[in-house]
Amino acid sequence: MAAKPVASAVAGSAFLSELSTGLKRAGLIDSLNTAKALTLFAPVNSAIRKSKEWASAKSRDELARLLANHVLPERLSPQHVLGRHTSIAGATVAVEMDAGQTKVNGAARVICANIQTRNATIYLIDTLLSADGFPSSGPIVTPK
């Protein structure tokens, strides 16, 4: 994965095939692949399949906004990812440790961290973040 840009790396991963399809439908492949430095909170296939918001995103713009909330405009290492950030869509993304588990916006668990691509760091998450940045299934917990 390290030799490929982020969207191409996602496309080569079987457990991110739903995300890859979404990135294509949203027209985000080129912009992600040509960006200098990003952080991607990548929902795995099961996270996308259980999301009602994903299923209801009918237009290309809706899907692009939903996916843009998973992308930060800088590359963040595990040492620097904790804290509050702003996604490329303008949503707040809060990353914190909770009982030894890294969580995004209070509920999406990071299940694999620090995957390096040519232009991004990927963190796999178990829940899709909604269009406002918060998890789209399960309870919404306000970040501290």
Protein backbone atom coordinates (compact mmCIF):
# COMPACT_ATOMS: atom_id res chain seq x y z
CA MET A 1 0.00 0.00 0.00
CA ALA A 2 2.86 2.39 0.75
CA ALA A 3 3.75 2.85 -2.91
CA LYS A 4 0.21 3.71 -4.03
CA PRO A 5 -1.77 6.90 -3.47
CA VAL A 6 -4.64 6.58 -1.00
CA ALA A 7 -7.64 5.93 -3.28
CA SER A 8 -5.65 3.40 -5.33
CA ALA A 9 -4.57 1.65 -2.12
CA VAL A 10 -8.20 1.50 -0.96
CA ALA A 11 -9.20 0.02 -4.33
CA GLY A 12 -6.70 -2.79 -3.82
CA SER A 13 -8.14 -3.85 -0.47
CA ALA A 14 -10.93 -6.44 -0.33
CA PHE A 15 -12.19 -5.22 3.06
CA LEU A 16 -12.53 -1.65 1.70
CA SER A 17 -14.32 -2.52 -1.55
CA GLU A 18 -17.54 -0.72 -0.53
CA LEU A 19 -15.55 2.43 0.26
CA SER A 20 -13.72 2.16 -3.05
CA THR A 21 -17.02 1.92 -4.94
CA GLY A 22 -18.32 4.94 -3.04
CA LEU A 23 -15.22 7.00 -3.81
CA LYS A 24 -15.69 6.24 -7.52
CA ARG A 25 -19.42 7.10 -7.44
CA ALA A 26 -18.66 10.35 -5.60
CA GLY A 27 -15.95 11.35 -8.07
CA LEU A 28 -13.27 11.61 -5.37
CA ILE A 29 -10.60 9.26 -6.75
CA ASP A 30 -8.47 11.87 -8.55
CA SER A 31 -8.63 14.51 -5.83
CA LEU A 32 -7.63 12.00 -3.14
CA ASN A 33 -4.88 10.42 -5.23
CA THR A 34 -3.33 13.78 -6.13
CA ALA A 35 -3.52 15.39 -2.67
CA LYS A 36 -0.16 15.96 -0.98
CA ALA A 37 -1.02 14.70 2.51
CA LEU A 38 -4.22 13.27 4.01
CA THR A 39 -5.57 11.22 6.86
CA LEU A 40 -8.41 8.86 5.95
CA PHE A 41 -10.76 7.28 8.47
CA ALA A 42 -11.76 4.36 6.26
CA PRO A 43 -14.97 2.53 7.17
CA VAL A 44 -14.64 -1.20 6.49
CA ASN A 45 -17.26 -2.99 4.39
CA SER A 46 -19.37 -4.09 7.38
CA ALA A 47 -19.52 -0.49 8.64
CA ILE A 48 -20.85 0.74 5.31
CA ARG A 49 -23.33 -2.11 4.92
CA LYS A 50 -24.95 -1.39 8.30
CA SER A 51 -25.28 2.36 7.64
CA LYS A 52 -28.70 3.72 6.74
CA GLU A 53 -27.16 7.02 5.70
CA TRP A 54 -24.96 5.30 3.11
CA ALA A 55 -27.99 3.58 1.60
CA SER A 56 -29.93 6.85 1.50
CA ALA A 57 -27.17 8.91 -0.17
CA LYS A 58 -28.74 9.08 -3.62
CA SER A 59 -26.86 11.88 -5.34
CA ARG A 60 -23.17 12.13 -6.13
CA ASP A 61 -22.97 15.31 -4.01
CA GLU A 62 -24.56 13.64 -0.96
CA LEU A 63 -22.15 10.75 -1.19
CA ALA A 64 -19.16 13.06 -1.72
CA ARG A 65 -20.07 15.09 1.39
CA LEU A 66 -20.55 11.94 3.45
CA LEU A 67 -17.17 10.56 2.38
CA ALA A 68 -15.36 13.90 2.71
CA ASN A 69 -16.11 13.82 6.44
CA HIS A 70 -13.73 10.86 6.68
CA VAL A 71 -10.79 12.82 5.26
CA LEU A 72 -8.49 15.25 7.08
CA PRO A 73 -6.32 17.63 5.02
CA GLU A 74 -3.08 16.57 6.69
CA ARG A 75 -1.21 13.36 7.37
CA LEU A 76 -1.47 12.47 11.05
CA SER A 77 0.58 9.81 12.81
CA PRO A 78 -0.89 7.89 15.76
CA GLN A 79 0.99 10.30 18.05
CA HIS A 80 -0.73 13.31 16.47
CA VAL A 81 -4.18 12.02 15.52
CA LEU A 82 -5.66 12.42 18.99
CA GLY A 83 -7.60 15.67 19.37
CA ARG A 84 -10.10 17.72 17.41
CA HIS A 85 -9.67 18.18 13.66
CA THR A 86 -11.69 19.56 10.76
CA SER A 87 -12.48 17.28 7.81
CA ILE A 88 -12.19 18.49 4.22
CA ALA A 89 -16.00 18.88 4.33
CA GLY A 90 -15.77 21.16 7.37
CA ALA A 91 -17.07 18.72 9.99
CA THR A 92 -15.43 18.29 13.37
CA VAL A 93 -13.64 14.98 13.79
CA ALA A 94 -12.69 14.24 17.40
CA VAL A 95 -10.28 11.40 18.06
CA GLU A 96 -9.75 10.23 21.62
CA MET A 97 -8.65 7.29 23.70
CA ASP A 98 -11.41 5.59 25.69
CA ALA A 99 -10.45 2.65 27.91
CA GLY A 100 -7.44 1.91 25.72
CA GLN A 101 -9.45 2.07 22.48
CA THR A 102 -9.07 4.86 19.92
CA LYS A 103 -12.48 6.25 18.97
CA VAL A 104 -13.59 8.75 16.37
CA ASN A 105 -16.42 11.07 17.40
CA GLY A 106 -17.18 8.96 20.44
CA ALA A 107 -18.39 5.77 18.81
CA ALA A 108 -16.48 4.71 15.69
CA ARG A 109 -13.66 2.43 16.88
CA VAL A 110 -10.31 2.44 15.12
CA ILE A 111 -9.71 -1.24 14.36
CA CYS A 112 -6.40 -0.81 12.53
CA ALA A 113 -4.18 2.26 12.66
CA ASN A 114 -1.27 3.83 10.83
CA ILE A 115 -1.61 2.21 7.40
CA GLN A 116 0.73 4.18 5.15
CA THR A 117 0.11 5.03 1.51
CA ARG A 118 2.16 7.31 -0.71
CA ASN A 119 0.12 10.37 0.32
CA ALA A 120 -1.97 9.41 3.35
CA THR A 121 -2.26 7.63 6.64
CA ILE A 122 -5.31 5.36 6.90
CA TYR A 123 -7.19 4.40 10.06
CA LEU A 124 -9.76 1.64 9.58
CA ILE A 125 -12.99 2.30 11.50
CA ASP A 126 -15.95 0.06 12.36
CA THR A 127 -18.70 2.67 11.89
CA LEU A 128 -19.42 5.08 9.06
CA LEU A 129 -19.29 8.75 10.08
CA SER A 130 -22.43 10.59 9.01
CA ALA A 131 -22.69 13.73 6.91
CA ASP A 132 -22.28 15.83 10.07
CA GLY A 133 -19.19 13.83 11.05
CA PHE A 134 -20.75 11.74 13.80
CA PRO A 135 -21.32 7.97 13.55
CA SER A 136 -24.36 7.12 11.45
CA SER A 137 -25.45 4.04 13.35
CA GLY A 138 -25.63 3.28 17.02
CA PRO A 139 -25.78 5.89 19.75
CA ILE A 140 -24.36 9.31 19.08
CA VAL A 141 -21.98 10.26 21.85
CA THR A 142 -20.86 13.86 22.08
CA PRO A 143 -17.05 14.01 22.17
CA LYS A 144 -15.45 15.44 25.32
